[in-house]
Amino acid sequence: MNADPNCIFCKIVAGQIPARKAYEDDELLAFHDIHPWAPVHVLVIPKQHIATLAEVGPEHDALLGRMLGLAPRLMKSLGVGNGFRTVINTGPDGGQEVYHLHMHVMGGPRPWSKG
């Protein structure tokens, strides 16, 4: 599996940095954001290192579909039943801070502190 030894999310996938996991399978990992913008805020990442959404190709279609398809099941399992938000920041102008593809999934009662 493709990994970047300097990437914080690759280190979380490898178990070198702890995270509060919400879901894991062979391809995906979901964990709670350490700086949440909502009452429930998880990040869904591929275990494979892909720096940005701009770098995906047709070979990633199934992976992206699995990431998006996981969101409603994950929110339901975490007690979010009244809607949620999904966000993928891409590149510097898109507000991406960690260069490992990740999808924010945020839910819970409003008003949220940010976003």
C-alpha atoms as a PDB file:
ATOM      1  CA  MET A   1       0.000   0.000   0.000  1.00  0.00           C
ATOM      2  CA  ASN A   2       1.219   3.464  -0.909  1.00  0.00           C
ATOM      3  CA  ALA A   3       2.257   5.548   2.155  1.00  0.00           C
ATOM      4  CA  ASP A   4       4.174   8.756   2.830  1.00  0.00           C
ATOM      5  CA  PRO A   5       6.480   8.457   5.865  1.00  0.00           C
ATOM      6  CA  ASN A   6       6.071  12.184   6.592  1.00  0.00           C
ATOM      7  CA  CYS A   7       2.250  12.215   6.435  1.00  0.00           C
ATOM      8  CA  ILE A   8       0.412  12.425   9.760  1.00  0.00           C
ATOM      9  CA  PHE A   9      -2.575  10.490   8.388  1.00  0.00           C
ATOM     10  CA  CYS A  10      -0.313   7.712   7.050  1.00  0.00           C
ATOM     11  CA  LYS A  11       1.177   7.526  10.549  1.00  0.00           C
ATOM     12  CA  ILE A  12      -2.347   7.180  12.001  1.00  0.00           C
ATOM     13  CA  VAL A  13      -3.092   4.378   9.494  1.00  0.00           C
ATOM     14  CA  ALA A  14       0.163   2.645  10.517  1.00  0.00           C
ATOM     15  CA  GLY A  15      -0.704   2.933  14.216  1.00  0.00           C
ATOM     16  CA  GLN A  16       2.273   5.211  14.948  1.00  0.00           C
ATOM     17  CA  ILE A  17      -0.032   8.041  16.105  1.00  0.00           C
ATOM     18  CA  PRO A  18      -3.148   7.248  18.121  1.00  0.00           C
ATOM     19  CA  ALA A  19      -6.616   8.227  16.914  1.00  0.00           C
ATOM     20  CA  ARG A  20     -10.132   7.644  18.190  1.00  0.00           C
ATOM     21  CA  LYS A  21     -11.350   5.341  15.437  1.00  0.00           C
ATOM     22  CA  ALA A  22     -14.974   5.322  14.336  1.00  0.00           C
ATOM     23  CA  TYR A  23     -14.612   2.796  11.479  1.00  0.00           C
ATOM     24  CA  GLU A  24     -11.923   0.723   9.788  1.00  0.00           C
ATOM     25  CA  ASP A  25     -11.705  -1.790   6.978  1.00  0.00           C
ATOM     26  CA  ASP A  26      -9.023  -2.835   4.478  1.00  0.00           C
ATOM     27  CA  GLU A  27      -9.251   0.399   2.441  1.00  0.00           C
ATOM     28  CA  LEU A  28     -10.712   3.083   4.714  1.00  0.00           C
ATOM     29  CA  LEU A  29     -10.225   4.542   8.160  1.00  0.00           C
ATOM     30  CA  ALA A  30     -12.568   6.967   9.896  1.00  0.00           C
ATOM     31  CA  PHE A  31     -11.583   8.740  13.086  1.00  0.00           C
ATOM     32  CA  HIS A  32     -12.779  11.634  15.213  1.00  0.00           C
ATOM     33  CA  ASP A  33     -11.269  15.036  14.383  1.00  0.00           C
ATOM     34  CA  ILE A  34      -9.096  16.389  17.209  1.00  0.00           C
ATOM     35  CA  HIS A  35     -10.389  19.925  16.507  1.00  0.00           C
ATOM     36  CA  PRO A  36     -14.091  19.318  15.799  1.00  0.00           C
ATOM     37  CA  TRP A  37     -16.243  21.918  14.058  1.00  0.00           C
ATOM     38  CA  ALA A  38     -19.451  20.121  15.019  1.00  0.00           C
ATOM     39  CA  PRO A  39     -20.728  17.900  17.856  1.00  0.00           C
ATOM     40  CA  VAL A  40     -19.855  14.853  15.701  1.00  0.00           C
ATOM     41  CA  HIS A  41     -16.896  15.409  13.336  1.00  0.00           C
ATOM     42  CA  VAL A  42     -15.064  12.492  11.779  1.00  0.00           C
ATOM     43  CA  LEU A  43     -12.516  12.249   8.998  1.00  0.00           C
ATOM     44  CA  VAL A  44     -12.808   9.462   6.429  1.00  0.00           C
ATOM     45  CA  ILE A  45      -9.499   8.680   4.737  1.00  0.00           C
ATOM     46  CA  PRO A  46      -8.230   6.063   2.322  1.00  0.00           C
ATOM     47  CA  LYS A  47      -5.445   3.988   3.831  1.00  0.00           C
ATOM     48  CA  GLN A  48      -3.582   4.482   0.562  1.00  0.00           C
ATOM     49  CA  HIS A  49      -1.760   7.821   0.435  1.00  0.00           C
ATOM     50  CA  ILE A  50      -3.369  10.108  -2.120  1.00  0.00           C
ATOM     51  CA  ALA A  51      -2.353  13.714  -1.479  1.00  0.00           C
ATOM     52  CA  THR A  52      -5.414  15.539  -2.835  1.00  0.00           C
ATOM     53  CA  LEU A  53      -8.721  14.979  -4.575  1.00  0.00           C
ATOM     54  CA  ALA A  54      -7.138  16.655  -7.618  1.00  0.00           C
ATOM     55  CA  GLU A  55      -4.817  13.636  -7.961  1.00  0.00           C
ATOM     56  CA  VAL A  56      -7.501  10.942  -8.252  1.00  0.00           C
ATOM     57  CA  GLY A  57      -8.179   9.177 -11.510  1.00  0.00           C
ATOM     58  CA  PRO A  58     -10.762   6.721 -12.826  1.00  0.00           C
ATOM     59  CA  GLU A  59      -8.979   3.955 -10.912  1.00  0.00           C
ATOM     60  CA  HIS A  60     -10.117   5.647  -7.679  1.00  0.00           C
ATOM     61  CA  ASP A  61     -13.830   5.839  -8.543  1.00  0.00           C
ATOM     62  CA  ALA A  62     -14.808   2.841  -6.400  1.00  0.00           C
ATOM     63  CA  LEU A  63     -12.747   4.108  -3.458  1.00  0.00           C
ATOM     64  CA  LEU A  64     -14.374   7.551  -3.613  1.00  0.00           C
ATOM     65  CA  GLY A  65     -17.795   5.918  -3.823  1.00  0.00           C
ATOM     66  CA  ARG A  66     -17.043   3.844  -0.736  1.00  0.00           C
ATOM     67  CA  MET A  67     -15.900   6.963   1.155  1.00  0.00           C
ATOM     68  CA  LEU A  68     -19.106   8.829   0.334  1.00  0.00           C
ATOM     69  CA  GLY A  69     -21.301   5.782   0.912  1.00  0.00           C
ATOM     70  CA  LEU A  70     -19.796   5.281   4.367  1.00  0.00           C
ATOM     71  CA  ALA A  71     -20.850   8.763   5.535  1.00  0.00           C
ATOM     72  CA  PRO A  72     -24.563   8.119   6.205  1.00  0.00           C
ATOM     73  CA  ARG A  73     -23.944   4.749   7.864  1.00  0.00           C
ATOM     74  CA  LEU A  74     -21.227   6.258  10.032  1.00  0.00           C
ATOM     75  CA  MET A  75     -23.364   9.221  11.090  1.00  0.00           C
ATOM     76  CA  LYS A  76     -26.276   6.919  11.933  1.00  0.00           C
ATOM     77  CA  SER A  77     -23.994   4.714  14.059  1.00  0.00           C
ATOM     78  CA  LEU A  78     -22.748   7.840  15.891  1.00  0.00           C
ATOM     79  CA  GLY A  79     -26.287   8.983  16.701  1.00  0.00           C
ATOM     80  CA  VAL A  80     -26.653  11.701  14.075  1.00  0.00           C
ATOM     81  CA  GLY A  81     -30.167  11.471  12.687  1.00  0.00           C
ATOM     82  CA  ASN A  82     -31.099  14.977  11.594  1.00  0.00           C
ATOM     83  CA  GLY A  83     -28.596  15.564   8.793  1.00  0.00           C
ATOM     84  CA  PHE A  84     -24.890  16.005   8.299  1.00  0.00           C
ATOM     85  CA  ARG A  85     -22.382  17.741   6.084  1.00  0.00           C
ATOM     86  CA  THR A  86     -19.552  16.283   3.959  1.00  0.00           C
ATOM     87  CA  VAL A  87     -16.571  18.393   2.888  1.00  0.00           C
ATOM     88  CA  ILE A  88     -13.378  17.621   0.968  1.00  0.00           C
ATOM     89  CA  ASN A  89     -10.925  20.522   0.949  1.00  0.00           C
ATOM     90  CA  THR A  90      -8.554  20.341  -2.030  1.00  0.00           C
ATOM     91  CA  GLY A  91      -5.262  22.198  -2.392  1.00  0.00           C
ATOM     92  CA  PRO A  92      -4.144  25.469  -0.841  1.00  0.00           C
ATOM     93  CA  ASP A  93      -6.979  27.585  -2.264  1.00  0.00           C
ATOM     94  CA  GLY A  94      -9.465  24.936  -1.159  1.00  0.00           C
ATOM     95  CA  GLY A  95      -8.306  25.141   2.450  1.00  0.00           C
ATOM     96  CA  GLN A  96      -6.584  21.745   2.603  1.00  0.00           C
ATOM     97  CA  GLU A  97      -4.273  21.548   5.627  1.00  0.00           C
ATOM     98  CA  VAL A  98      -3.194  17.880   5.618  1.00  0.00           C
ATOM     99  CA  TYR A  99      -2.082  16.581   2.236  1.00  0.00           C
ATOM    100  CA  HIS A 100      -3.685  13.164   2.435  1.00  0.00           C
ATOM    101  CA  LEU A 101      -7.133  12.918   0.849  1.00  0.00           C
ATOM    102  CA  HIS A 102      -9.756  13.147   3.586  1.00  0.00           C
ATOM    103  CA  MET A 103     -13.459  13.791   3.847  1.00  0.00           C
ATOM    104  CA  HIS A 104     -14.882  15.669   6.815  1.00  0.00           C
ATOM    105  CA  VAL A 105     -18.268  14.328   7.923  1.00  0.00           C
ATOM    106  CA  MET A 106     -19.934  16.653  10.429  1.00  0.00           C
ATOM    107  CA  GLY A 107     -23.279  16.402  12.174  1.00  0.00           C
ATOM    108  CA  GLY A 108     -25.184  17.114  15.322  1.00  0.00           C
ATOM    109  CA  PRO A 109     -27.243  20.033  16.568  1.00  0.00           C
ATOM    110  CA  ARG A 110     -26.532  23.493  15.183  1.00  0.00           C
ATOM    111  CA  PRO A 111     -25.199  26.109  15.661  1.00  0.00           C
ATOM    112  CA  TRP A 112     -21.770  24.712  15.008  1.00  0.00           C
ATOM    113  CA  SER A 113     -18.768  26.630  16.250  1.00  0.00           C
ATOM    114  CA  LYS A 114     -17.319  26.941  12.736  1.00  0.00           C
ATOM    115  CA  GLY A 115     -18.060  26.266   9.077  1.00  0.00           C
END
